[in-house]
């Protein structure tokens, strides 16, 4: 799943090393428009519902955090 998420993220910013970057939001690599695009792609790709309550920086600061979020939503 992580590899699929990284492919989605690369569509937004191909130059980022998503395996090591852990401050996508804190460093303002991703802005709110980028997050909205990623959320839409994640919901389509993994058939999950990401709501406003999930839209916090700690869920989107890294590919690993995004993967953890998607995994937890997939279990529900």
PDB file of N, CA and C in Angstrom:
ATOM      1  N   UNK A   1       0.817  -1.195   0.000  1.00  0.00           N
ATOM      2  CA  UNK A   1       0.000   0.000   0.000  1.00  0.00           C
ATOM      3  C   UNK A   1       0.863   1.261   0.000  1.00  0.00           C
ATOM      4  N   UNK A   2       1.973   1.242   0.728  1.00  0.00           N
ATOM      5  CA  UNK A   2       2.842   2.416   0.799  1.00  0.00           C
ATOM      6  C   UNK A   2       3.334   2.819  -0.586  1.00  0.00           C
ATOM      7  N   UNK A   3       3.695   1.833  -1.397  1.00  0.00           N
ATOM      8  CA  UNK A   3       4.189   2.134  -2.739  1.00  0.00           C
ATOM      9  C   UNK A   3       3.119   2.839  -3.574  1.00  0.00           C
ATOM     10  N   UNK A   4       1.868   2.398  -3.447  1.00  0.00           N
ATOM     11  CA  UNK A   4       0.772   3.034  -4.180  1.00  0.00           C
ATOM     12  C   UNK A   4       0.567   4.471  -3.709  1.00  0.00           C
ATOM     13  N   UNK A   5       0.672   4.684  -2.419  1.00  0.00           N
ATOM     14  CA  UNK A   5       0.514   6.029  -1.867  1.00  0.00           C
ATOM     15  C   UNK A   5       1.632   6.934  -2.361  1.00  0.00           C
ATOM     16  N   UNK A   6       2.847   6.435  -2.383  1.00  0.00           N
ATOM     17  CA  UNK A   6       3.966   7.234  -2.879  1.00  0.00           C
ATOM     18  C   UNK A   6       3.757   7.603  -4.339  1.00  0.00           C
ATOM     19  N   UNK A   7       3.225   6.704  -5.138  1.00  0.00           N
ATOM     20  CA  UNK A   7       2.935   7.027  -6.538  1.00  0.00           C
ATOM     21  C   UNK A   7       1.912   8.163  -6.633  1.00  0.00           C
ATOM     22  N   UNK A   8       0.909   8.139  -5.782  1.00  0.00           N
ATOM     23  CA  UNK A   8      -0.084   9.222  -5.754  1.00  0.00           C
ATOM     24  C   UNK A   8       0.588  10.534  -5.358  1.00  0.00           C
ATOM     25  N   UNK A   9       1.440  10.479  -4.339  1.00  0.00           N
ATOM     26  CA  UNK A   9       2.129  11.686  -3.873  1.00  0.00           C
ATOM     27  C   UNK A   9       3.069  12.242  -4.933  1.00  0.00           C
ATOM     28  N   UNK A  10       3.701  11.368  -5.698  1.00  0.00           N
ATOM     29  CA  UNK A  10       4.622  11.818  -6.752  1.00  0.00           C
ATOM     30  C   UNK A  10       3.902  12.581  -7.851  1.00  0.00           C
ATOM     31  N   UNK A  11       2.599  12.336  -8.013  1.00  0.00           N
ATOM     32  CA  UNK A  11       1.831  13.096  -8.988  1.00  0.00           C
ATOM     33  C   UNK A  11       1.715  14.560  -8.574  1.00  0.00           C
ATOM     34  N   UNK A  12       1.838  14.828  -7.270  1.00  0.00           N
ATOM     35  CA  UNK A  12       1.735  16.190  -6.749  1.00  0.00           C
ATOM     36  C   UNK A  12       3.106  16.869  -6.755  1.00  0.00           C
ATOM     37  N   UNK A  13       4.110  16.195  -6.180  1.00  0.00           N
ATOM     38  CA  UNK A  13       5.481  16.724  -6.119  1.00  0.00           C
ATOM     39  C   UNK A  13       6.450  15.574  -6.375  1.00  0.00           C
ATOM     40  N   UNK A  14       6.846  15.414  -7.610  1.00  0.00           N
ATOM     41  CA  UNK A  14       7.712  14.293  -7.996  1.00  0.00           C
ATOM     42  C   UNK A  14       9.111  14.383  -7.401  1.00  0.00           C
ATOM     43  N   UNK A  15       9.540  15.587  -7.036  1.00  0.00           N
ATOM     44  CA  UNK A  15      10.920  15.788  -6.589  1.00  0.00           C
ATOM     45  C   UNK A  15      11.166  15.387  -5.132  1.00  0.00           C
ATOM     46  N   UNK A  16      10.128  15.094  -4.373  1.00  0.00           N
ATOM     47  CA  UNK A  16      10.261  14.807  -2.939  1.00  0.00           C
ATOM     48  C   UNK A  16      10.646  13.347  -2.714  1.00  0.00           C
ATOM     49  N   UNK A  17      11.547  13.125  -1.753  1.00  0.00           N
ATOM     50  CA  UNK A  17      11.904  11.762  -1.335  1.00  0.00           C
ATOM     51  C   UNK A  17      10.914  11.342  -0.243  1.00  0.00           C
ATOM     52  N   UNK A  18       9.854  10.678  -0.661  1.00  0.00           N
ATOM     53  CA  UNK A  18       8.769  10.341   0.256  1.00  0.00           C
ATOM     54  C   UNK A  18       9.135   9.250   1.259  1.00  0.00           C
ATOM     55  N   UNK A  19      10.197   8.515   1.021  1.00  0.00           N
ATOM     56  CA  UNK A  19      10.615   7.498   1.984  1.00  0.00           C
ATOM     57  C   UNK A  19      11.261   8.134   3.216  1.00  0.00           C
ATOM     58  N   UNK A  20      11.848   9.318   3.064  1.00  0.00           N
ATOM     59  CA  UNK A  20      12.527   9.937   4.207  1.00  0.00           C
ATOM     60  C   UNK A  20      11.859  11.218   4.705  1.00  0.00           C
ATOM     61  N   UNK A  21      11.093  11.884   3.865  1.00  0.00           N
ATOM     62  CA  UNK A  21      10.480  13.156   4.281  1.00  0.00           C
ATOM     63  C   UNK A  21       9.348  12.910   5.281  1.00  0.00           C
ATOM     64  N   UNK A  22       9.424  13.597   6.420  1.00  0.00           N
ATOM     65  CA  UNK A  22       8.398  13.408   7.450  1.00  0.00           C
ATOM     66  C   UNK A  22       7.770  14.730   7.916  1.00  0.00           C
ATOM     67  N   UNK A  23       7.918  15.760   7.088  1.00  0.00           N
ATOM     68  CA  UNK A  23       7.342  17.061   7.430  1.00  0.00           C
ATOM     69  C   UNK A  23       6.741  17.726   6.181  1.00  0.00           C
ATOM     70  N   UNK A  24       5.939  16.965   5.455  1.00  0.00           N
ATOM     71  CA  UNK A  24       5.339  17.496   4.230  1.00  0.00           C
ATOM     72  C   UNK A  24       4.484  18.725   4.494  1.00  0.00           C
ATOM     73  N   UNK A  25       3.776  18.727   5.598  1.00  0.00           N
ATOM     74  CA  UNK A  25       2.923  19.861   5.960  1.00  0.00           C
ATOM     75  C   UNK A  25       3.739  20.901   6.721  1.00  0.00           C
ATOM     76  N   UNK A  26       4.485  20.455   7.723  1.00  0.00           N
ATOM     77  CA  UNK A  26       5.241  21.386   8.576  1.00  0.00           C
ATOM     78  C   UNK A  26       6.240  22.226   7.775  1.00  0.00           C
ATOM     79  N   UNK A  27       6.855  21.646   6.749  1.00  0.00           N
ATOM     80  CA  UNK A  27       7.805  22.382   5.899  1.00  0.00           C
ATOM     81  C   UNK A  27       7.106  23.082   4.729  1.00  0.00           C
ATOM     82  N   UNK A  28       5.792  22.954   4.671  1.00  0.00           N
ATOM     83  CA  UNK A  28       4.973  23.559   3.618  1.00  0.00           C
ATOM     84  C   UNK A  28       5.342  23.067   2.222  1.00  0.00           C
ATOM     85  N   UNK A  29       5.768  21.809   2.167  1.00  0.00           N
ATOM     86  CA  UNK A  29       5.985  21.163   0.872  1.00  0.00           C
ATOM     87  C   UNK A  29       4.628  20.958   0.213  1.00  0.00           C
ATOM     88  N   UNK A  30       3.659  20.539   1.031  1.00  0.00           N
ATOM     89  CA  UNK A  30       2.275  20.401   0.576  1.00  0.00           C
ATOM     90  C   UNK A  30       1.461  21.561   1.130  1.00  0.00           C
ATOM     91  N   UNK A  31       0.705  22.218   0.254  1.00  0.00           N
ATOM     92  CA  UNK A  31      -0.232  23.236   0.723  1.00  0.00           C
ATOM     93  C   UNK A  31      -1.625  22.616   0.773  1.00  0.00           C
ATOM     94  N   UNK A  32      -2.598  23.397   1.155  1.00  0.00           N
ATOM     95  CA  UNK A  32      -3.946  22.845   1.328  1.00  0.00           C
ATOM     96  C   UNK A  32      -4.515  22.305   0.022  1.00  0.00           C
ATOM     97  N   UNK A  33      -4.200  22.943  -1.092  1.00  0.00           N
ATOM     98  CA  UNK A  33      -4.673  22.457  -2.385  1.00  0.00           C
ATOM     99  C   UNK A  33      -4.071  21.083  -2.701  1.00  0.00           C
ATOM    100  N   UNK A  34      -2.786  20.911  -2.392  1.00  0.00           N
ATOM    101  CA  UNK A  34      -2.129  19.616  -2.604  1.00  0.00           C
ATOM    102  C   UNK A  34      -2.804  18.531  -1.759  1.00  0.00           C
ATOM    103  N   UNK A  35      -3.106  18.850  -0.508  1.00  0.00           N
ATOM    104  CA  UNK A  35      -3.731  17.874   0.383  1.00  0.00           C
ATOM    105  C   UNK A  35      -5.102  17.470  -0.149  1.00  0.00           C
ATOM    106  N   UNK A  36      -5.872  18.446  -0.600  1.00  0.00           N
ATOM    107  CA  UNK A  36      -7.200  18.144  -1.158  1.00  0.00           C
ATOM    108  C   UNK A  36      -7.064  17.210  -2.361  1.00  0.00           C
ATOM    109  N   UNK A  37      -6.101  17.472  -3.233  1.00  0.00           N
ATOM    110  CA  UNK A  37      -5.879  16.593  -4.387  1.00  0.00           C
ATOM    111  C   UNK A  37      -5.495  15.184  -3.956  1.00  0.00           C
ATOM    112  N   UNK A  38      -4.589  15.086  -2.999  1.00  0.00           N
ATOM    113  CA  UNK A  38      -4.141  13.779  -2.509  1.00  0.00           C
ATOM    114  C   UNK A  38      -5.301  13.030  -1.861  1.00  0.00           C
ATOM    115  N   UNK A  39      -6.096  13.725  -1.053  1.00  0.00           N
ATOM    116  CA  UNK A  39      -7.234  13.093  -0.386  1.00  0.00           C
ATOM    117  C   UNK A  39      -8.190  12.505  -1.421  1.00  0.00           C
ATOM    118  N   UNK A  40      -8.489  13.262  -2.464  1.00  0.00           N
ATOM    119  CA  UNK A  40      -9.374  12.754  -3.511  1.00  0.00           C
ATOM    120  C   UNK A  40      -8.819  11.508  -4.170  1.00  0.00           C
ATOM    121  N   UNK A  41      -7.538  11.518  -4.469  1.00  0.00           N
ATOM    122  CA  UNK A  41      -6.898  10.358  -5.089  1.00  0.00           C
ATOM    123  C   UNK A  41      -6.902   9.152  -4.149  1.00  0.00           C
ATOM    124  N   UNK A  42      -6.623   9.390  -2.871  1.00  0.00           N
ATOM    125  CA  UNK A  42      -6.614   8.297  -1.886  1.00  0.00           C
ATOM    126  C   UNK A  42      -7.999   7.675  -1.743  1.00  0.00           C
ATOM    127  N   UNK A  43      -9.020   8.525  -1.685  1.00  0.00           N
ATOM    128  CA  UNK A  43     -10.382   8.004  -1.528  1.00  0.00           C
ATOM    129  C   UNK A  43     -10.770   7.163  -2.740  1.00  0.00           C
ATOM    130  N   UNK A  44     -10.388   7.594  -3.932  1.00  0.00           N
ATOM    131  CA  UNK A  44     -10.682   6.817  -5.140  1.00  0.00           C
ATOM    132  C   UNK A  44      -9.884   5.518  -5.183  1.00  0.00           C
ATOM    133  N   UNK A  45      -8.596   5.605  -4.883  1.00  0.00           N
ATOM    134  CA  UNK A  45      -7.706   4.452  -5.025  1.00  0.00           C
ATOM    135  C   UNK A  45      -7.983   3.369  -3.986  1.00  0.00           C
ATOM    136  N   UNK A  46      -8.332   3.773  -2.762  1.00  0.00           N
ATOM    137  CA  UNK A  46      -8.450   2.804  -1.674  1.00  0.00           C
ATOM    138  C   UNK A  46      -9.874   2.648  -1.152  1.00  0.00           C
ATOM    139  N   UNK A  47     -10.815   3.332  -1.776  1.00  0.00           N
ATOM    140  CA  UNK A  47     -12.228   3.246  -1.395  1.00  0.00           C
ATOM    141  C   UNK A  47     -12.418   3.496   0.101  1.00  0.00           C
ATOM    142  N   UNK A  48     -11.849   4.611   0.571  1.00  0.00           N
ATOM    143  CA  UNK A  48     -11.999   5.030   1.964  1.00  0.00           C
ATOM    144  C   UNK A  48     -12.627   6.415   1.993  1.00  0.00           C
ATOM    145  N   UNK A  49     -13.185   6.767   3.130  1.00  0.00           N
ATOM    146  CA  UNK A  49     -13.783   8.094   3.319  1.00  0.00           C
ATOM    147  C   UNK A  49     -12.904   8.889   4.277  1.00  0.00           C
ATOM    148  N   UNK A  50     -12.233   9.909   3.753  1.00  0.00           N
ATOM    149  CA  UNK A  50     -11.397  10.780   4.569  1.00  0.00           C
ATOM    150  C   UNK A  50     -12.202  12.046   4.829  1.00  0.00           C
ATOM    151  N   UNK A  51     -12.519  12.271   6.097  1.00  0.00           N
ATOM    152  CA  UNK A  51     -13.378  13.393   6.464  1.00  0.00           C
ATOM    153  C   UNK A  51     -12.551  14.535   7.063  1.00  0.00           C
ATOM    154  N   UNK A  52     -13.226  15.635   7.367  1.00  0.00           N
ATOM    155  CA  UNK A  52     -12.551  16.810   7.928  1.00  0.00           C
ATOM    156  C   UNK A  52     -11.807  16.480   9.215  1.00  0.00           C
ATOM    157  N   UNK A  53     -12.338  15.571  10.012  1.00  0.00           N
ATOM    158  CA  UNK A  53     -11.666  15.225  11.274  1.00  0.00           C
ATOM    159  C   UNK A  53     -10.317  14.555  11.054  1.00  0.00           C
ATOM    160  N   UNK A  54     -10.111  13.964   9.881  1.00  0.00           N
ATOM    161  CA  UNK A  54      -8.834  13.327   9.552  1.00  0.00           C
ATOM    162  C   UNK A  54      -7.816  14.324   9.000  1.00  0.00           C
ATOM    163  N   UNK A  55      -8.279  15.527   8.675  1.00  0.00           N
ATOM    164  CA  UNK A  55      -7.436  16.514   7.999  1.00  0.00           C
ATOM    165  C   UNK A  55      -6.597  17.298   9.007  1.00  0.00           C
ATOM    166  N   UNK A  56      -5.679  16.594   9.638  1.00  0.00           N
ATOM    167  CA  UNK A  56      -4.752  17.207  10.584  1.00  0.00           C
ATOM    168  C   UNK A  56      -3.328  16.946  10.093  1.00  0.00           C
ATOM    169  N   UNK A  57      -2.402  17.869  10.370  1.00  0.00           N
ATOM    170  CA  UNK A  57      -1.043  17.719   9.832  1.00  0.00           C
ATOM    171  C   UNK A  57      -0.388  16.380  10.118  1.00  0.00           C
ATOM    172  N   UNK A  58      -0.575  15.840  11.324  1.00  0.00           N
ATOM    173  CA  UNK A  58       0.108  14.586  11.652  1.00  0.00           C
ATOM    174  C   UNK A  58      -0.321  13.426  10.756  1.00  0.00           C
ATOM    175  N   UNK A  59      -1.494  13.504  10.141  1.00  0.00           N
ATOM    176  CA  UNK A  59      -1.926  12.450   9.209  1.00  0.00           C
ATOM    177  C   UNK A  59      -1.340  12.608   7.816  1.00  0.00           C
ATOM    178  N   UNK A  60      -0.753  13.775   7.523  1.00  0.00           N
ATOM    179  CA  UNK A  60      -0.278  14.042   6.166  1.00  0.00           C
ATOM    180  C   UNK A  60       1.170  14.517   6.096  1.00  0.00           C
ATOM    181  N   UNK A  61       1.907  14.416   7.188  1.00  0.00           N
ATOM    182  CA  UNK A  61       3.297  14.872   7.195  1.00  0.00           C
ATOM    183  C   UNK A  61       4.247  13.914   6.496  1.00  0.00           C
ATOM    184  N   UNK A  62       3.835  12.666   6.308  1.00  0.00           N
ATOM    185  CA  UNK A  62       4.721  11.692   5.645  1.00  0.00           C
ATOM    186  C   UNK A  62       3.885  10.648   4.915  1.00  0.00           C
ATOM    187  N   UNK A  63       4.526   9.976   3.983  1.00  0.00           N
ATOM    188  CA  UNK A  63       3.859   8.882   3.277  1.00  0.00           C
ATOM    189  C   UNK A  63       3.468   7.791   4.260  1.00  0.00           C
ATOM    190  N   UNK A  64       4.307   7.552   5.254  1.00  0.00           N
ATOM    191  CA  UNK A  64       4.024   6.529   6.248  1.00  0.00           C
ATOM    192  C   UNK A  64       2.796   6.894   7.084  1.00  0.00           C
ATOM    193  N   UNK A  65       2.667   8.173   7.450  1.00  0.00           N
ATOM    194  CA  UNK A  65       1.497   8.617   8.222  1.00  0.00           C
ATOM    195  C   UNK A  65       0.228   8.495   7.380  1.00  0.00           C
ATOM    196  N   UNK A  66       0.329   8.839   6.113  1.00  0.00           N
ATOM    197  CA  UNK A  66      -0.819   8.709   5.212  1.00  0.00           C
ATOM    198  C   UNK A  66      -1.207   7.238   5.078  1.00  0.00           C
ATOM    199  N   UNK A  67      -0.219   6.376   4.963  1.00  0.00           N
ATOM    200  CA  UNK A  67      -0.471   4.939   4.851  1.00  0.00           C
ATOM    201  C   UNK A  67      -1.173   4.428   6.112  1.00  0.00           C
ATOM    202  N   UNK A  68      -0.720   4.854   7.268  1.00  0.00           N
ATOM    203  CA  UNK A  68      -1.334   4.449   8.534  1.00  0.00           C
ATOM    204  C   UNK A  68      -2.791   4.903   8.584  1.00  0.00           C
ATOM    205  N   UNK A  69      -3.051   6.127   8.142  1.00  0.00           N
ATOM    206  CA  UNK A  69      -4.417   6.650   8.104  1.00  0.00           C
ATOM    207  C   UNK A  69      -5.300   5.807   7.192  1.00  0.00           C
ATOM    208  N   UNK A  70      -4.819   5.543   5.975  1.00  0.00           N
ATOM    209  CA  UNK A  70      -5.596   4.780   5.018  1.00  0.00           C
ATOM    210  C   UNK A  70      -5.842   3.357   5.534  1.00  0.00           C
ATOM    211  N   UNK A  71      -4.827   2.754   6.135  1.00  0.00           N
ATOM    212  CA  UNK A  71      -4.998   1.416   6.700  1.00  0.00           C
ATOM    213  C   UNK A  71      -6.058   1.402   7.783  1.00  0.00           C
ATOM    214  N   UNK A  72      -6.039   2.410   8.659  1.00  0.00           N
ATOM    215  CA  UNK A  72      -7.022   2.448   9.750  1.00  0.00           C
ATOM    216  C   UNK A  72      -8.431   2.661   9.189  1.00  0.00           C
ATOM    217  N   UNK A  73      -8.558   3.462   8.149  1.00  0.00           N
ATOM    218  CA  UNK A  73      -9.874   3.687   7.541  1.00  0.00           C
ATOM    219  C   UNK A  73     -10.353   2.467   6.765  1.00  0.00           C
ATOM    220  N   UNK A  74      -9.438   1.694   6.235  1.00  0.00           N
ATOM    221  CA  UNK A  74      -9.789   0.479   5.497  1.00  0.00           C
ATOM    222  C   UNK A  74     -10.350  -0.596   6.422  1.00  0.00           C
ATOM    223  N   UNK A  75      -9.925  -0.564   7.686  1.00  0.00           N
ATOM    224  CA  UNK A  75     -10.369  -1.557   8.656  1.00  0.00           C
ATOM    225  C   UNK A  75     -11.784  -1.289   9.147  1.00  0.00           C
ATOM    226  N   UNK A  76     -12.205  -0.029   9.055  1.00  0.00           N
ATOM    227  CA  UNK A  76     -13.551   0.342   9.557  1.00  0.00           C
ATOM    228  C   UNK A  76     -14.664  -0.175   8.686  1.00  0.00           C
TER     229      UNK A  76
END
